Amino acid sequence: MTQVRTVDGRIAGRRGQATRARLLECLGELIASTSYRDVTVIDVARQAGTSPATFYQYFPDIQTAVVELANEVLREAAALKDLASEQNWTGRSGGAAAGALVDGFLDFWRQHDAILRVVDLAAAEGDRRFSRIRMKLFNSVVQALTEAITELQRSGKLDAEVHPAATAGALVTMLAASAAHTKAFDSWSVKEGELRSGLTRLVAWGVTGRKPS
């Protein structure tokens, strides 16, 4: 296990680390079923089968624990960057690369929907901790797509007038917004497969400048 410390600076042992992990797990479960604003330390402690005093050994408040949950999600988001950077965007491969990125975004958001909703809400309210996490989450993917677009331009396969960073940022914002609002697509009678197909076409077209096959 990764070394962690208690609030007073002591290094937590294996049992302490397991307790801390259990508290975070229970907090995640509560956020998924209850409004973030309504979750209390007592709720988390009860869910974990321990006491509020134990919670305060590892976290000074609920918000700090939520930040840690968000940071764990951020670490897992490294896989999204790989989906953008480790792809072949030339020729027919561009469509496959776009499809892999779209699938990755939608699946990632579905898996972490609850905490990502909290991140968006807190960031919109001006909490800089969550704003930084949200920015880091997107930056790595935007950078990877920017590099992919730039490389296509260097090889003469994409119009030089295309602004790589602006295009990459717009595509990633589109993916994140679509992934976060899949219920809206349901209300428009858009099936998941249709959404994935539509996003794939837009991403492929945006990165390569060519209509995907």
N, C-alpha and C. Protein backbone atom coordinates (compact mmCIF):
# COMPACT_ATOMS: atom_id res chain seq x y z
N MET A 1 0.83 -1.21 0.00
CA MET A 1 0.00 0.00 0.00
C MET A 1 0.87 1.26 0.00
N THR A 2 0.33 2.35 -0.59
CA THR A 2 1.02 3.62 -0.58
C THR A 2 1.04 4.18 0.83
N GLN A 3 2.16 4.74 1.23
CA GLN A 3 2.30 5.29 2.57
C GLN A 3 1.40 6.51 2.73
N VAL A 4 0.62 6.53 3.80
CA VAL A 4 -0.26 7.66 4.09
C VAL A 4 -0.05 8.07 5.54
N ARG A 5 -0.44 9.30 5.83
CA ARG A 5 -0.30 9.83 7.18
C ARG A 5 -1.66 10.21 7.75
N THR A 6 -1.73 10.19 9.08
CA THR A 6 -2.94 10.63 9.76
C THR A 6 -2.93 12.16 9.80
N VAL A 7 -4.02 12.74 10.30
CA VAL A 7 -4.13 14.19 10.36
C VAL A 7 -3.03 14.80 11.22
N ASP A 8 -2.61 14.10 12.27
CA ASP A 8 -1.57 14.64 13.15
C ASP A 8 -0.16 14.30 12.68
N GLY A 9 -0.03 13.73 11.47
CA GLY A 9 1.28 13.52 10.89
C GLY A 9 1.89 12.15 11.09
N ARG A 10 1.24 11.28 11.82
CA ARG A 10 1.77 9.93 12.02
C ARG A 10 1.60 9.10 10.75
N ILE A 11 2.56 8.20 10.51
CA ILE A 11 2.45 7.28 9.38
C ILE A 11 1.48 6.17 9.74
N ALA A 12 0.48 5.99 8.91
CA ALA A 12 -0.52 4.96 9.18
C ALA A 12 0.02 3.58 8.84
N GLY A 13 -0.24 2.62 9.72
CA GLY A 13 0.16 1.24 9.46
C GLY A 13 -0.79 0.58 8.48
N ARG A 14 -0.58 -0.70 8.23
CA ARG A 14 -1.41 -1.41 7.27
C ARG A 14 -2.88 -1.38 7.67
N ARG A 15 -3.14 -1.56 8.96
CA ARG A 15 -4.53 -1.55 9.42
C ARG A 15 -5.13 -0.15 9.27
N GLY A 16 -4.34 0.86 9.59
CA GLY A 16 -4.81 2.23 9.45
C GLY A 16 -5.08 2.59 8.00
N GLN A 17 -4.22 2.14 7.10
CA GLN A 17 -4.41 2.41 5.68
C GLN A 17 -5.68 1.72 5.17
N ALA A 18 -5.91 0.51 5.66
CA ALA A 18 -7.12 -0.21 5.26
C ALA A 18 -8.36 0.52 5.76
N THR A 19 -8.30 1.05 6.99
CA THR A 19 -9.43 1.79 7.54
C THR A 19 -9.69 3.05 6.73
N ARG A 20 -8.63 3.76 6.38
CA ARG A 20 -8.76 4.97 5.58
C ARG A 20 -9.37 4.65 4.22
N ALA A 21 -8.90 3.58 3.59
CA ALA A 21 -9.43 3.18 2.30
C ALA A 21 -10.91 2.82 2.41
N ARG A 22 -11.28 2.17 3.52
CA ARG A 22 -12.68 1.80 3.73
C ARG A 22 -13.55 3.05 3.91
N LEU A 23 -13.05 4.04 4.62
CA LEU A 23 -13.79 5.29 4.79
C LEU A 23 -14.02 5.97 3.44
N LEU A 24 -13.00 6.00 2.59
CA LEU A 24 -13.15 6.60 1.27
C LEU A 24 -14.13 5.81 0.41
N GLU A 25 -14.07 4.50 0.52
CA GLU A 25 -14.99 3.65 -0.24
C GLU A 25 -16.43 3.95 0.16
N CYS A 26 -16.68 4.05 1.46
CA CYS A 26 -18.03 4.31 1.95
C CYS A 26 -18.49 5.71 1.57
N LEU A 27 -17.57 6.67 1.61
CA LEU A 27 -17.91 8.02 1.19
C LEU A 27 -18.33 8.02 -0.28
N GLY A 28 -17.61 7.29 -1.10
CA GLY A 28 -17.97 7.19 -2.51
C GLY A 28 -19.34 6.59 -2.71
N GLU A 29 -19.67 5.57 -1.92
CA GLU A 29 -20.98 4.93 -2.02
C GLU A 29 -22.09 5.90 -1.63
N LEU A 30 -21.85 6.69 -0.59
CA LEU A 30 -22.86 7.63 -0.13
C LEU A 30 -23.06 8.76 -1.14
N ILE A 31 -21.97 9.24 -1.73
CA ILE A 31 -22.09 10.30 -2.73
C ILE A 31 -22.88 9.81 -3.94
N ALA A 32 -22.75 8.53 -4.24
CA ALA A 32 -23.46 7.96 -5.39
C ALA A 32 -24.96 7.86 -5.15
N SER A 33 -25.38 7.83 -3.89
CA SER A 33 -26.80 7.63 -3.58
C SER A 33 -27.44 8.81 -2.85
N THR A 34 -26.61 9.78 -2.42
CA THR A 34 -27.10 10.90 -1.63
C THR A 34 -26.48 12.19 -2.14
N SER A 35 -27.18 13.29 -1.98
CA SER A 35 -26.60 14.57 -2.35
C SER A 35 -25.30 14.81 -1.58
N TYR A 36 -24.29 15.25 -2.27
CA TYR A 36 -22.98 15.53 -1.66
C TYR A 36 -23.11 16.43 -0.44
N ARG A 37 -24.00 17.42 -0.51
CA ARG A 37 -24.17 18.36 0.58
C ARG A 37 -24.77 17.72 1.82
N ASP A 38 -25.45 16.60 1.65
CA ASP A 38 -26.13 15.97 2.78
C ASP A 38 -25.29 14.92 3.49
N VAL A 39 -24.16 14.54 2.93
CA VAL A 39 -23.33 13.50 3.53
C VAL A 39 -22.58 14.08 4.73
N THR A 40 -22.63 13.39 5.86
CA THR A 40 -21.96 13.84 7.08
C THR A 40 -20.90 12.84 7.51
N VAL A 41 -20.04 13.27 8.40
CA VAL A 41 -19.01 12.39 8.94
C VAL A 41 -19.65 11.21 9.64
N ILE A 42 -20.75 11.47 10.34
CA ILE A 42 -21.45 10.39 11.05
C ILE A 42 -21.95 9.35 10.05
N ASP A 43 -22.48 9.80 8.93
CA ASP A 43 -22.96 8.88 7.90
C ASP A 43 -21.84 7.97 7.41
N VAL A 44 -20.69 8.57 7.12
CA VAL A 44 -19.56 7.81 6.58
C VAL A 44 -19.05 6.82 7.62
N ALA A 45 -18.93 7.28 8.85
CA ALA A 45 -18.44 6.40 9.92
C ALA A 45 -19.38 5.23 10.15
N ARG A 46 -20.67 5.52 10.16
CA ARG A 46 -21.66 4.45 10.36
C ARG A 46 -21.59 3.44 9.21
N GLN A 47 -21.48 3.93 7.98
CA GLN A 47 -21.40 3.05 6.81
C GLN A 47 -20.16 2.16 6.89
N ALA A 48 -19.07 2.72 7.42
CA ALA A 48 -17.81 1.98 7.51
C ALA A 48 -17.72 1.11 8.76
N GLY A 49 -18.71 1.22 9.62
CA GLY A 49 -18.70 0.43 10.84
C GLY A 49 -17.68 0.90 11.86
N THR A 50 -17.45 2.21 11.89
CA THR A 50 -16.48 2.77 12.84
C THR A 50 -17.06 4.03 13.44
N SER A 51 -16.23 4.87 14.05
CA SER A 51 -16.71 6.05 14.75
C SER A 51 -16.27 7.33 14.04
N PRO A 52 -16.97 8.45 14.27
CA PRO A 52 -16.54 9.73 13.72
C PRO A 52 -15.11 10.08 14.13
N ALA A 53 -14.74 9.69 15.37
CA ALA A 53 -13.38 9.99 15.85
C ALA A 53 -12.34 9.32 14.94
N THR A 54 -12.66 8.12 14.46
CA THR A 54 -11.73 7.43 13.56
C THR A 54 -11.64 8.17 12.23
N PHE A 55 -12.77 8.65 11.74
CA PHE A 55 -12.75 9.43 10.50
C PHE A 55 -11.81 10.62 10.64
N TYR A 56 -11.92 11.33 11.77
CA TYR A 56 -11.13 12.54 11.96
C TYR A 56 -9.64 12.25 12.16
N GLN A 57 -9.30 11.01 12.37
CA GLN A 57 -7.88 10.65 12.42
C GLN A 57 -7.24 10.78 11.04
N TYR A 58 -8.05 10.62 9.99
CA TYR A 58 -7.51 10.59 8.64
C TYR A 58 -7.91 11.79 7.79
N PHE A 59 -9.03 12.43 8.13
CA PHE A 59 -9.50 13.57 7.34
C PHE A 59 -10.05 14.64 8.27
N PRO A 60 -9.70 15.91 8.05
CA PRO A 60 -10.22 16.97 8.92
C PRO A 60 -11.69 17.27 8.68
N ASP A 61 -12.19 16.93 7.49
CA ASP A 61 -13.59 17.19 7.17
C ASP A 61 -13.99 16.38 5.93
N ILE A 62 -15.27 16.41 5.62
CA ILE A 62 -15.80 15.68 4.47
C ILE A 62 -15.19 16.19 3.17
N GLN A 63 -15.06 17.51 3.03
CA GLN A 63 -14.56 18.08 1.79
C GLN A 63 -13.16 17.57 1.46
N THR A 64 -12.30 17.48 2.46
CA THR A 64 -10.94 16.99 2.23
C THR A 64 -10.95 15.53 1.77
N ALA A 65 -11.84 14.75 2.35
CA ALA A 65 -11.95 13.35 1.94
C ALA A 65 -12.46 13.25 0.50
N VAL A 66 -13.39 14.13 0.12
CA VAL A 66 -13.89 14.13 -1.25
C VAL A 66 -12.78 14.52 -2.22
N VAL A 67 -11.94 15.46 -1.83
CA VAL A 67 -10.80 15.84 -2.66
C VAL A 67 -9.89 14.64 -2.90
N GLU A 68 -9.68 13.85 -1.86
CA GLU A 68 -8.84 12.66 -2.01
C GLU A 68 -9.49 11.66 -2.97
N LEU A 69 -10.80 11.49 -2.88
CA LEU A 69 -11.51 10.63 -3.82
C LEU A 69 -11.33 11.14 -5.25
N ALA A 70 -11.44 12.45 -5.41
CA ALA A 70 -11.29 13.04 -6.73
C ALA A 70 -9.88 12.85 -7.27
N ASN A 71 -8.89 12.94 -6.38
CA ASN A 71 -7.50 12.72 -6.81
C ASN A 71 -7.27 11.28 -7.24
N GLU A 72 -7.95 10.34 -6.60
CA GLU A 72 -7.84 8.95 -7.02
C GLU A 72 -8.41 8.78 -8.43
N VAL A 73 -9.54 9.43 -8.70
CA VAL A 73 -10.12 9.39 -10.04
C VAL A 73 -9.17 10.02 -11.05
N LEU A 74 -8.53 11.11 -10.64
CA LEU A 74 -7.59 11.79 -11.52
C LEU A 74 -6.44 10.87 -11.91
N ARG A 75 -5.95 10.09 -10.96
CA ARG A 75 -4.85 9.17 -11.26
C ARG A 75 -5.29 8.11 -12.27
N GLU A 76 -6.54 7.67 -12.17
CA GLU A 76 -7.04 6.68 -13.11
C GLU A 76 -7.26 7.28 -14.51
N ALA A 77 -7.40 8.61 -14.55
CA ALA A 77 -7.66 9.28 -15.83
C ALA A 77 -6.45 9.28 -16.75
N ALA A 78 -5.31 8.84 -16.25
CA ALA A 78 -4.12 8.76 -17.11
C ALA A 78 -4.38 7.86 -18.32
N ALA A 79 -5.30 6.91 -18.15
CA ALA A 79 -5.62 6.01 -19.26
C ALA A 79 -6.27 6.76 -20.42
N LEU A 80 -6.97 7.86 -20.14
CA LEU A 80 -7.60 8.64 -21.20
C LEU A 80 -6.54 9.30 -22.08
N LYS A 81 -5.49 9.78 -21.45
CA LYS A 81 -4.40 10.38 -22.23
C LYS A 81 -3.79 9.35 -23.16
N ASP A 82 -3.60 8.13 -22.66
CA ASP A 82 -3.03 7.07 -23.49
C ASP A 82 -3.90 6.77 -24.70
N LEU A 83 -5.22 6.87 -24.51
CA LEU A 83 -6.13 6.60 -25.64
C LEU A 83 -5.98 7.64 -26.73
N ALA A 84 -5.55 8.84 -26.36
CA ALA A 84 -5.36 9.89 -27.35
C ALA A 84 -3.96 9.89 -27.94
N SER A 85 -2.97 9.55 -27.12
CA SER A 85 -1.58 9.69 -27.56
C SER A 85 -1.01 8.43 -28.21
N GLU A 86 -1.56 7.28 -27.88
CA GLU A 86 -0.99 6.04 -28.38
C GLU A 86 -1.80 5.46 -29.54
N GLN A 87 -2.38 6.37 -30.33
CA GLN A 87 -3.22 5.94 -31.45
C GLN A 87 -2.62 6.39 -32.78
N ASN A 88 -2.97 5.67 -33.83
CA ASN A 88 -2.60 6.07 -35.18
C ASN A 88 -3.79 6.82 -35.78
N TRP A 89 -3.62 8.13 -36.01
CA TRP A 89 -4.72 8.95 -36.48
C TRP A 89 -4.73 9.13 -38.00
N THR A 90 -3.85 8.44 -38.69
CA THR A 90 -3.76 8.60 -40.14
C THR A 90 -4.68 7.62 -40.87
N GLY A 91 -5.18 8.05 -42.03
CA GLY A 91 -5.99 7.16 -42.86
C GLY A 91 -7.21 6.61 -42.16
N ARG A 92 -7.52 5.37 -42.48
CA ARG A 92 -8.68 4.71 -41.89
C ARG A 92 -8.52 4.49 -40.39
N SER A 93 -7.29 4.50 -39.92
CA SER A 93 -7.04 4.29 -38.49
C SER A 93 -7.61 5.43 -37.65
N GLY A 94 -7.82 6.59 -38.27
CA GLY A 94 -8.35 7.73 -37.52
C GLY A 94 -9.71 7.45 -36.91
N GLY A 95 -10.56 6.75 -37.67
CA GLY A 95 -11.88 6.43 -37.14
C GLY A 95 -11.80 5.49 -35.95
N ALA A 96 -10.91 4.50 -36.03
CA ALA A 96 -10.75 3.57 -34.92
C ALA A 96 -10.19 4.27 -33.69
N ALA A 97 -9.24 5.18 -33.92
CA ALA A 97 -8.65 5.93 -32.80
C ALA A 97 -9.71 6.80 -32.13
N ALA A 98 -10.54 7.44 -32.93
CA ALA A 98 -11.61 8.28 -32.38
C ALA A 98 -12.60 7.43 -31.59
N GLY A 99 -12.94 6.26 -32.11
CA GLY A 99 -13.88 5.38 -31.42
C GLY A 99 -13.35 4.92 -30.08
N ALA A 100 -12.06 4.62 -30.02
CA ALA A 100 -11.45 4.18 -28.76
C ALA A 100 -11.49 5.30 -27.73
N LEU A 101 -11.23 6.53 -28.17
CA LEU A 101 -11.25 7.67 -27.25
C LEU A 101 -12.66 7.95 -26.75
N VAL A 102 -13.63 7.90 -27.65
CA VAL A 102 -15.03 8.11 -27.25
C VAL A 102 -15.47 7.05 -26.26
N ASP A 103 -15.19 5.80 -26.55
CA ASP A 103 -15.56 4.72 -25.63
C ASP A 103 -14.90 4.91 -24.27
N GLY A 104 -13.63 5.31 -24.29
CA GLY A 104 -12.92 5.52 -23.05
C GLY A 104 -13.54 6.61 -22.20
N PHE A 105 -13.91 7.73 -22.84
CA PHE A 105 -14.53 8.84 -22.11
C PHE A 105 -15.87 8.43 -21.51
N LEU A 106 -16.74 7.85 -22.32
CA LEU A 106 -18.08 7.49 -21.84
C LEU A 106 -18.00 6.45 -20.73
N ASP A 107 -17.13 5.47 -20.89
CA ASP A 107 -17.00 4.42 -19.87
C ASP A 107 -16.39 4.99 -18.59
N PHE A 108 -15.41 5.88 -18.72
CA PHE A 108 -14.77 6.49 -17.55
C PHE A 108 -15.79 7.31 -16.78
N TRP A 109 -16.59 8.09 -17.47
CA TRP A 109 -17.59 8.93 -16.79
C TRP A 109 -18.66 8.07 -16.13
N ARG A 110 -19.05 6.99 -16.78
CA ARG A 110 -20.06 6.12 -16.18
C ARG A 110 -19.52 5.50 -14.89
N GLN A 111 -18.27 5.09 -14.91
CA GLN A 111 -17.66 4.45 -13.75
C GLN A 111 -17.50 5.42 -12.58
N HIS A 112 -17.21 6.69 -12.88
CA HIS A 112 -16.91 7.67 -11.82
C HIS A 112 -17.92 8.82 -11.81
N ASP A 113 -19.12 8.55 -12.25
CA ASP A 113 -20.12 9.60 -12.42
C ASP A 113 -20.34 10.43 -11.16
N ALA A 114 -20.48 9.80 -10.01
CA ALA A 114 -20.82 10.51 -8.78
C ALA A 114 -19.75 11.52 -8.39
N ILE A 115 -18.50 11.09 -8.34
CA ILE A 115 -17.44 11.99 -7.91
C ILE A 115 -17.17 13.05 -8.96
N LEU A 116 -17.32 12.73 -10.24
CA LEU A 116 -17.11 13.73 -11.29
C LEU A 116 -18.19 14.81 -11.25
N ARG A 117 -19.41 14.43 -10.87
CA ARG A 117 -20.46 15.44 -10.71
C ARG A 117 -20.11 16.40 -9.58
N VAL A 118 -19.54 15.87 -8.49
CA VAL A 118 -19.12 16.72 -7.38
C VAL A 118 -17.99 17.64 -7.80
N VAL A 119 -17.05 17.10 -8.55
CA VAL A 119 -15.93 17.91 -9.04
C VAL A 119 -16.45 19.08 -9.88
N ASP A 120 -17.37 18.80 -10.79
CA ASP A 120 -17.93 19.86 -11.64
C ASP A 120 -18.66 20.91 -10.80
N LEU A 121 -19.46 20.45 -9.85
CA LEU A 121 -20.23 21.37 -9.01
C LEU A 121 -19.32 22.25 -8.17
N ALA A 122 -18.35 21.63 -7.49
CA ALA A 122 -17.46 22.39 -6.61
C ALA A 122 -16.57 23.34 -7.41
N ALA A 123 -16.13 22.89 -8.59
CA ALA A 123 -15.30 23.76 -9.44
C ALA A 123 -16.11 24.96 -9.90
N ALA A 124 -17.37 24.73 -10.27
CA ALA A 124 -18.23 25.83 -10.72
C ALA A 124 -18.49 26.82 -9.61
N GLU A 125 -18.47 26.35 -8.37
CA GLU A 125 -18.69 27.22 -7.22
C GLU A 125 -17.43 27.94 -6.77
N GLY A 126 -16.31 27.66 -7.45
CA GLY A 126 -15.09 28.39 -7.16
C GLY A 126 -14.11 27.72 -6.23
N ASP A 127 -14.33 26.44 -5.89
CA ASP A 127 -13.38 25.72 -5.04
C ASP A 127 -12.15 25.39 -5.88
N ARG A 128 -11.03 26.02 -5.58
CA ARG A 128 -9.84 25.88 -6.40
C ARG A 128 -9.26 24.48 -6.37
N ARG A 129 -9.47 23.76 -5.29
CA ARG A 129 -8.97 22.38 -5.23
C ARG A 129 -9.60 21.53 -6.32
N PHE A 130 -10.90 21.67 -6.49
CA PHE A 130 -11.60 20.89 -7.51
C PHE A 130 -11.36 21.47 -8.90
N SER A 131 -11.18 22.78 -8.99
CA SER A 131 -10.87 23.39 -10.28
C SER A 131 -9.55 22.86 -10.82
N ARG A 132 -8.56 22.71 -9.93
CA ARG A 132 -7.25 22.19 -10.35
C ARG A 132 -7.36 20.74 -10.80
N ILE A 133 -8.15 19.96 -10.07
CA ILE A 133 -8.33 18.56 -10.44
C ILE A 133 -9.01 18.46 -11.81
N ARG A 134 -10.04 19.27 -12.02
CA ARG A 134 -10.76 19.25 -13.29
C ARG A 134 -9.83 19.66 -14.44
N MET A 135 -9.01 20.67 -14.19
CA MET A 135 -8.09 21.13 -15.23
C MET A 135 -7.07 20.05 -15.57
N LYS A 136 -6.52 19.40 -14.56
CA LYS A 136 -5.54 18.34 -14.79
C LYS A 136 -6.17 17.16 -15.54
N LEU A 137 -7.42 16.89 -15.21
CA LEU A 137 -8.13 15.79 -15.86
C LEU A 137 -8.22 16.01 -17.36
N PHE A 138 -8.50 17.24 -17.77
CA PHE A 138 -8.66 17.55 -19.18
C PHE A 138 -7.34 17.86 -19.88
N ASN A 139 -6.40 18.49 -19.16
CA ASN A 139 -5.17 18.97 -19.79
C ASN A 139 -4.38 17.88 -20.50
N SER A 140 -4.27 16.72 -19.86
CA SER A 140 -3.45 15.67 -20.44
C SER A 140 -4.02 15.17 -21.76
N VAL A 141 -5.36 15.09 -21.84
CA VAL A 141 -5.99 14.62 -23.07
C VAL A 141 -5.91 15.70 -24.14
N VAL A 142 -6.15 16.95 -23.75
CA VAL A 142 -6.04 18.06 -24.70
C VAL A 142 -4.63 18.12 -25.28
N GLN A 143 -3.64 17.96 -24.42
CA GLN A 143 -2.25 18.00 -24.89
C GLN A 143 -1.97 16.87 -25.88
N ALA A 144 -2.46 15.67 -25.57
CA ALA A 144 -2.22 14.52 -26.45
C ALA A 144 -2.88 14.74 -27.81
N LEU A 145 -4.12 15.24 -27.83
CA LEU A 145 -4.79 15.49 -29.10
C LEU A 145 -4.13 16.65 -29.86
N THR A 146 -3.67 17.64 -29.12
CA THR A 146 -2.96 18.76 -29.75
C THR A 146 -1.72 18.26 -30.49
N GLU A 147 -0.99 17.36 -29.85
CA GLU A 147 0.21 16.80 -30.47
C GLU A 147 -0.15 15.95 -31.69
N ALA A 148 -1.26 15.21 -31.60
CA ALA A 148 -1.68 14.39 -32.74
C ALA A 148 -2.05 15.27 -33.93
N ILE A 149 -2.78 16.36 -33.67
CA ILE A 149 -3.17 17.26 -34.75
C ILE A 149 -1.95 17.95 -35.35
N THR A 150 -1.04 18.37 -34.48
CA THR A 150 0.18 19.03 -34.95
C THR A 150 1.00 18.10 -35.84
N GLU A 151 1.09 16.85 -35.47
CA GLU A 151 1.86 15.88 -36.24
C GLU A 151 1.23 15.67 -37.62
N LEU A 152 -0.09 15.63 -37.68
CA LEU A 152 -0.76 15.50 -38.97
C LEU A 152 -0.48 16.71 -39.86
N GLN A 153 -0.42 17.88 -39.24
CA GLN A 153 -0.08 19.08 -40.01
C GLN A 153 1.35 19.03 -40.54
N ARG A 154 2.26 18.57 -39.72
CA ARG A 154 3.66 18.49 -40.13
C ARG A 154 3.85 17.55 -41.31
N SER A 155 3.05 16.50 -41.33
CA SER A 155 3.17 15.53 -42.42
C SER A 155 2.35 15.91 -43.64
N GLY A 156 1.72 17.08 -43.59
CA GLY A 156 0.94 17.56 -44.73
C GLY A 156 -0.41 16.90 -44.89
N LYS A 157 -0.91 16.22 -43.84
CA LYS A 157 -2.18 15.50 -43.94
C LYS A 157 -3.36 16.28 -43.36
N LEU A 158 -3.07 17.50 -42.86
CA LEU A 158 -4.13 18.32 -42.27
C LEU A 158 -3.85 19.78 -42.59
N ASP A 159 -4.90 20.52 -42.87
CA ASP A 159 -4.79 21.94 -43.20
C ASP A 159 -4.03 22.69 -42.11
N ALA A 160 -3.05 23.49 -42.52
CA ALA A 160 -2.21 24.23 -41.58
C ALA A 160 -2.99 25.32 -40.85
N GLU A 161 -4.16 25.71 -41.36
CA GLU A 161 -4.95 26.75 -40.72
C GLU A 161 -5.68 26.26 -39.48
N VAL A 162 -5.76 24.97 -39.30
CA VAL A 162 -6.42 24.41 -38.12
C VAL A 162 -5.57 24.73 -36.89
N HIS A 163 -6.22 25.24 -35.82
CA HIS A 163 -5.50 25.54 -34.58
C HIS A 163 -5.53 24.29 -33.70
N PRO A 164 -4.38 23.64 -33.52
CA PRO A 164 -4.37 22.36 -32.79
C PRO A 164 -4.95 22.42 -31.39
N ALA A 165 -4.50 23.36 -30.56
CA ALA A 165 -4.96 23.40 -29.17
C ALA A 165 -6.43 23.77 -29.08
N ALA A 166 -6.88 24.70 -29.91
CA ALA A 166 -8.29 25.10 -29.88
C ALA A 166 -9.19 23.93 -30.28
N THR A 167 -8.77 23.21 -31.32
CA THR A 167 -9.55 22.06 -31.79
C THR A 167 -9.57 20.96 -30.74
N ALA A 168 -8.41 20.67 -30.18
CA ALA A 168 -8.32 19.62 -29.16
C ALA A 168 -9.16 19.98 -27.94
N GLY A 169 -9.07 21.24 -27.49
CA GLY A 169 -9.85 21.68 -26.34
C GLY A 169 -11.34 21.58 -26.58
N ALA A 170 -11.78 21.95 -27.77
CA ALA A 170 -13.20 21.88 -28.10
C ALA A 170 -13.69 20.43 -28.12
N LEU A 171 -12.87 19.54 -28.66
CA LEU A 171 -13.27 18.13 -28.74
C LEU A 171 -13.35 17.50 -27.35
N VAL A 172 -12.38 17.78 -26.50
CA VAL A 172 -12.38 17.20 -25.16
C VAL A 172 -13.54 17.76 -24.34
N THR A 173 -13.81 19.05 -24.48
CA THR A 173 -14.95 19.64 -23.77
C THR A 173 -16.25 19.00 -24.23
N MET A 174 -16.38 18.76 -25.53
CA MET A 174 -17.56 18.10 -26.07
C MET A 174 -17.73 16.70 -25.49
N LEU A 175 -16.62 15.96 -25.45
CA LEU A 175 -16.68 14.59 -24.91
C LEU A 175 -17.08 14.59 -23.45
N ALA A 176 -16.48 15.48 -22.67
CA ALA A 176 -16.78 15.52 -21.23
C ALA A 176 -18.24 15.91 -20.99
N ALA A 177 -18.72 16.92 -21.72
CA ALA A 177 -20.10 17.36 -21.55
C ALA A 177 -21.09 16.27 -21.97
N SER A 178 -20.80 15.60 -23.07
CA SER A 178 -21.68 14.53 -23.53
C SER A 178 -21.70 13.37 -22.55
N ALA A 179 -20.52 13.01 -22.04
CA ALA A 179 -20.43 11.91 -21.09
C ALA A 179 -21.14 12.23 -19.78
N ALA A 180 -21.13 13.51 -19.40
CA ALA A 180 -21.75 13.91 -18.14
C ALA A 180 -23.26 14.08 -18.25
N HIS A 181 -23.79 14.10 -19.46
CA HIS A 181 -25.22 14.36 -19.64
C HIS A 181 -25.88 13.31 -20.53
N THR A 182 -25.54 12.06 -20.30
CA THR A 182 -26.12 10.99 -21.12
C THR A 182 -27.64 10.88 -20.92
N LYS A 183 -28.14 11.29 -19.74
CA LYS A 183 -29.58 11.23 -19.50
C LYS A 183 -30.33 12.18 -20.43
N ALA A 184 -29.68 13.28 -20.80
CA ALA A 184 -30.31 14.21 -21.73
C ALA A 184 -30.50 13.55 -23.09
N PHE A 185 -29.51 12.77 -23.51
CA PHE A 185 -29.63 12.07 -24.79
C PHE A 185 -30.74 11.03 -24.73
N ASP A 186 -30.91 10.41 -23.57
CA ASP A 186 -32.01 9.47 -23.40
C ASP A 186 -33.36 10.17 -23.62
N SER A 187 -33.48 11.39 -23.08
CA SER A 187 -34.73 12.13 -23.22
C SER A 187 -34.98 12.54 -24.66
N TRP A 188 -33.93 12.57 -25.48
CA TRP A 188 -34.07 12.90 -26.90
C TRP A 188 -34.19 11.64 -27.75
N SER A 189 -34.37 10.50 -27.06
CA SER A 189 -34.51 9.20 -27.73
C SER A 189 -33.27 8.82 -28.53
N VAL A 190 -32.11 9.26 -28.04
CA VAL A 190 -30.84 8.90 -28.67
C VAL A 190 -30.27 7.70 -27.92
N LYS A 191 -30.10 6.59 -28.61
CA LYS A 191 -29.55 5.40 -27.99
C LYS A 191 -28.04 5.55 -27.79
N GLU A 192 -27.50 4.77 -26.85
CA GLU A 192 -26.08 4.90 -26.53
C GLU A 192 -25.20 4.63 -27.75
N GLY A 193 -25.55 3.63 -28.52
CA GLY A 193 -24.76 3.32 -29.70
C GLY A 193 -24.76 4.46 -30.70
N GLU A 194 -25.89 5.14 -30.82
CA GLU A 194 -25.98 6.28 -31.73
C GLU A 194 -25.15 7.45 -31.22
N LEU A 195 -25.15 7.64 -29.91
CA LEU A 195 -24.33 8.70 -29.32
C LEU A 195 -22.85 8.43 -29.56
N ARG A 196 -22.44 7.20 -29.31
CA ARG A 196 -21.03 6.85 -29.52
C ARG A 196 -20.63 7.04 -30.98
N SER A 197 -21.51 6.64 -31.88
CA SER A 197 -21.22 6.77 -33.31
C SER A 197 -21.10 8.24 -33.71
N GLY A 198 -22.03 9.06 -33.22
CA GLY A 198 -22.00 10.48 -33.56
C GLY A 198 -20.75 11.17 -33.03
N LEU A 199 -20.39 10.87 -31.78
CA LEU A 199 -19.20 11.47 -31.19
C LEU A 199 -17.94 11.00 -31.91
N THR A 200 -17.93 9.73 -32.28
CA THR A 200 -16.76 9.19 -32.99
C THR A 200 -16.53 9.94 -34.31
N ARG A 201 -17.60 10.18 -35.05
CA ARG A 201 -17.48 10.89 -36.31
C ARG A 201 -16.95 12.31 -36.10
N LEU A 202 -17.45 12.98 -35.08
CA LEU A 202 -17.03 14.35 -34.82
C LEU A 202 -15.57 14.42 -34.38
N VAL A 203 -15.16 13.48 -33.52
CA VAL A 203 -13.77 13.47 -33.06
C VAL A 203 -12.83 13.15 -34.22
N ALA A 204 -13.18 12.14 -35.01
CA ALA A 204 -12.33 11.76 -36.14
C ALA A 204 -12.20 12.91 -37.13
N TRP A 205 -13.32 13.54 -37.41
CA TRP A 205 -13.31 14.66 -38.35
C TRP A 205 -12.50 15.83 -37.78
N GLY A 206 -12.68 16.08 -36.48
CA GLY A 206 -11.98 17.20 -35.86
C GLY A 206 -10.47 17.02 -35.83
N VAL A 207 -10.01 15.81 -35.56
CA VAL A 207 -8.57 15.57 -35.45
C VAL A 207 -7.93 15.45 -36.82
N THR A 208 -8.55 14.71 -37.71
CA THR A 208 -7.92 14.40 -39.01
C THR A 208 -8.30 15.36 -40.13
N GLY A 209 -9.44 16.09 -39.95
CA GLY A 209 -9.91 16.97 -41.02
C GLY A 209 -10.55 16.23 -42.16
N ARG A 210 -10.78 14.92 -41.97
CA ARG A 210 -11.35 14.10 -43.04
C ARG A 210 -12.63 13.42 -42.54
N LYS A 211 -13.55 13.24 -43.47
CA LYS A 211 -14.76 12.52 -43.14
C LYS A 211 -14.41 11.07 -42.85
N PRO A 212 -14.76 10.57 -41.66
CA PRO A 212 -14.37 9.18 -41.31
C PRO A 212 -15.13 8.16 -42.15
N SER A 213 -14.46 7.08 -42.42
CA SER A 213 -15.10 6.02 -43.21
C SER A 213 -16.01 5.21 -42.32
